[in-house]
Amino acid sequence: MEQTFENILTSLLEAYENNPAQDIDTLIEEKCKEWGVAEEQIHLLKETNGLIDSFNEHANSLEKAKADGWSRKRWMLDEMDRITDGRSEEEKAQIASAISDTNEKVIEETTAKE
């Protein structure tokens, strides 16, 4: 197997699908040592797994909110409240600004491609 990130990630996902009860971090460690993967790459795989889990959690949360009659906007505002809870007004403004900037970039890129 060619040792590309995509091939390694695909192999890990297949191994996990074959036995979903196993601990994913242990699987990553064992398989990566077996394949001679560098520590930096192991860290990247674990980080990717965490992002995939986070995406799935948020997607499930949004679907549940929609089933409960919430709009996407209401769900997003609720998430913003959760994220900014206990933060100073300055931190809240920085978070809102960063999200706004990211949304603008996504819209610009999307319209540029179209």
Protein backbone atom coordinates (compact mmCIF):
# COMPACT_ATOMS: atom_id res chain seq x y z
CA MET A 1 0.00 0.00 0.00
CA GLU A 2 1.26 3.46 -0.89
CA GLN A 3 1.65 5.41 2.36
CA THR A 4 -0.51 8.44 1.55
CA PHE A 5 -2.73 10.09 4.11
CA GLU A 6 -5.80 9.13 2.10
CA ASN A 7 -4.81 5.45 1.89
CA ILE A 8 -3.97 5.28 5.58
CA LEU A 9 -7.22 7.00 6.57
CA THR A 10 -9.24 4.74 4.27
CA SER A 11 -7.61 1.61 5.71
CA LEU A 12 -8.26 2.80 9.26
CA LEU A 13 -11.91 3.53 8.49
CA GLU A 14 -12.33 0.08 6.93
CA ALA A 15 -10.71 -1.59 9.95
CA TYR A 16 -13.00 0.37 12.25
CA GLU A 17 -16.10 -0.53 10.22
CA ASN A 18 -15.16 -4.20 10.58
CA ASN A 19 -15.11 -3.82 14.38
CA PRO A 20 -16.86 -0.62 15.52
CA ALA A 21 -16.72 -1.64 19.19
CA GLN A 22 -12.95 -1.12 19.32
CA ASP A 23 -11.33 2.06 20.63
CA ILE A 24 -10.45 4.23 17.64
CA ASP A 25 -7.35 5.77 19.23
CA THR A 26 -5.97 2.33 20.03
CA LEU A 27 -6.69 1.21 16.47
CA ILE A 28 -4.85 4.24 15.08
CA GLU A 29 -1.84 3.60 17.32
CA GLU A 30 -1.63 -0.11 16.48
CA LYS A 31 -2.14 0.19 12.73
CA CYS A 32 0.17 3.16 12.36
CA LYS A 33 2.98 1.41 14.23
CA GLU A 34 2.40 -1.65 12.04
CA TRP A 35 2.73 0.55 8.93
CA GLY A 36 5.67 2.58 10.27
CA VAL A 37 3.76 5.85 10.26
CA ALA A 38 5.53 8.85 11.82
CA GLU A 39 4.25 10.35 15.10
CA GLU A 40 3.31 13.59 13.33
CA GLN A 41 1.10 11.66 10.92
CA ILE A 42 -0.45 9.69 13.78
CA HIS A 43 -1.34 13.00 15.45
CA LEU A 44 -2.87 14.25 12.19
CA LEU A 45 -4.99 11.10 11.90
CA LYS A 46 -6.23 11.45 15.48
CA GLU A 47 -7.03 15.11 14.87
CA THR A 48 -8.91 14.21 11.68
CA ASN A 49 -10.89 11.58 13.57
CA GLY A 50 -11.80 14.18 16.18
CA LEU A 51 -13.01 16.56 13.48
CA ILE A 52 -15.10 13.82 11.86
CA ASP A 53 -16.66 13.02 15.25
CA SER A 54 -17.36 16.70 15.89
CA PHE A 55 -18.95 17.11 12.47
CA ASN A 56 -21.19 14.08 13.07
CA GLU A 57 -22.22 15.36 16.50
CA HIS A 58 -23.16 18.76 15.08
CA ALA A 59 -24.99 17.22 12.12
CA ASN A 60 -26.98 15.01 14.51
CA SER A 61 -27.70 17.98 16.77
CA LEU A 62 -28.97 20.01 13.81
CA GLU A 63 -31.16 17.14 12.59
CA LYS A 64 -32.64 16.74 16.08
CA ALA A 65 -33.30 20.47 16.28
CA LYS A 66 -35.04 20.39 12.89
CA ALA A 67 -37.16 17.44 14.05
CA ASP A 68 -38.11 19.54 17.09
CA GLY A 69 -39.26 22.33 14.75
CA TRP A 70 -36.21 24.58 15.04
CA SER A 71 -34.85 26.49 12.08
CA ARG A 72 -31.17 26.25 11.14
CA LYS A 73 -30.79 29.89 12.27
CA ARG A 74 -32.28 29.17 15.70
CA TRP A 75 -30.01 26.13 16.10
CA MET A 76 -26.97 28.18 15.10
CA LEU A 77 -27.85 30.94 17.57
CA ASP A 78 -28.30 28.34 20.31
CA GLU A 79 -24.86 26.91 19.46
CA MET A 80 -23.38 30.41 19.57
CA ASP A 81 -24.87 30.94 23.01
CA ARG A 82 -23.41 27.62 24.17
CA ILE A 83 -19.97 28.43 22.74
CA THR A 84 -19.83 31.93 24.19
CA ASP A 85 -21.34 31.11 27.59
CA GLY A 86 -19.12 32.48 30.36
CA ARG A 87 -16.92 34.52 28.01
CA SER A 88 -16.34 38.24 28.14
CA GLU A 89 -18.13 40.56 25.74
CA GLU A 90 -14.83 41.13 23.91
CA GLU A 91 -14.34 37.39 23.40
CA LYS A 92 -17.94 37.02 22.23
CA ALA A 93 -17.41 39.80 19.68
CA GLN A 94 -14.20 38.17 18.43
CA ILE A 95 -15.93 34.81 17.99
CA ALA A 96 -18.88 36.38 16.17
CA SER A 97 -16.51 38.34 13.94
CA ALA A 98 -14.47 35.26 13.07
CA ILE A 99 -17.61 33.32 12.16
CA SER A 100 -18.90 36.22 10.08
CA ASP A 101 -15.58 36.53 8.23
CA THR A 102 -15.54 32.81 7.50
CA ASN A 103 -19.10 32.89 6.20
CA GLU A 104 -18.27 35.80 3.91
CA LYS A 105 -15.25 33.94 2.50
CA VAL A 106 -17.34 30.81 1.88
CA ILE A 107 -20.01 32.85 0.10
CA GLU A 108 -17.39 34.64 -2.01
CA GLU A 109 -15.71 31.37 -2.97
CA THR A 110 -19.03 29.73 -3.78
CA THR A 111 -20.21 32.59 -5.97
CA ALA A 112 -16.82 32.83 -7.69
CA LYS A 113 -16.99 29.13 -8.63
CA GLU A 114 -20.51 29.51 -10.00
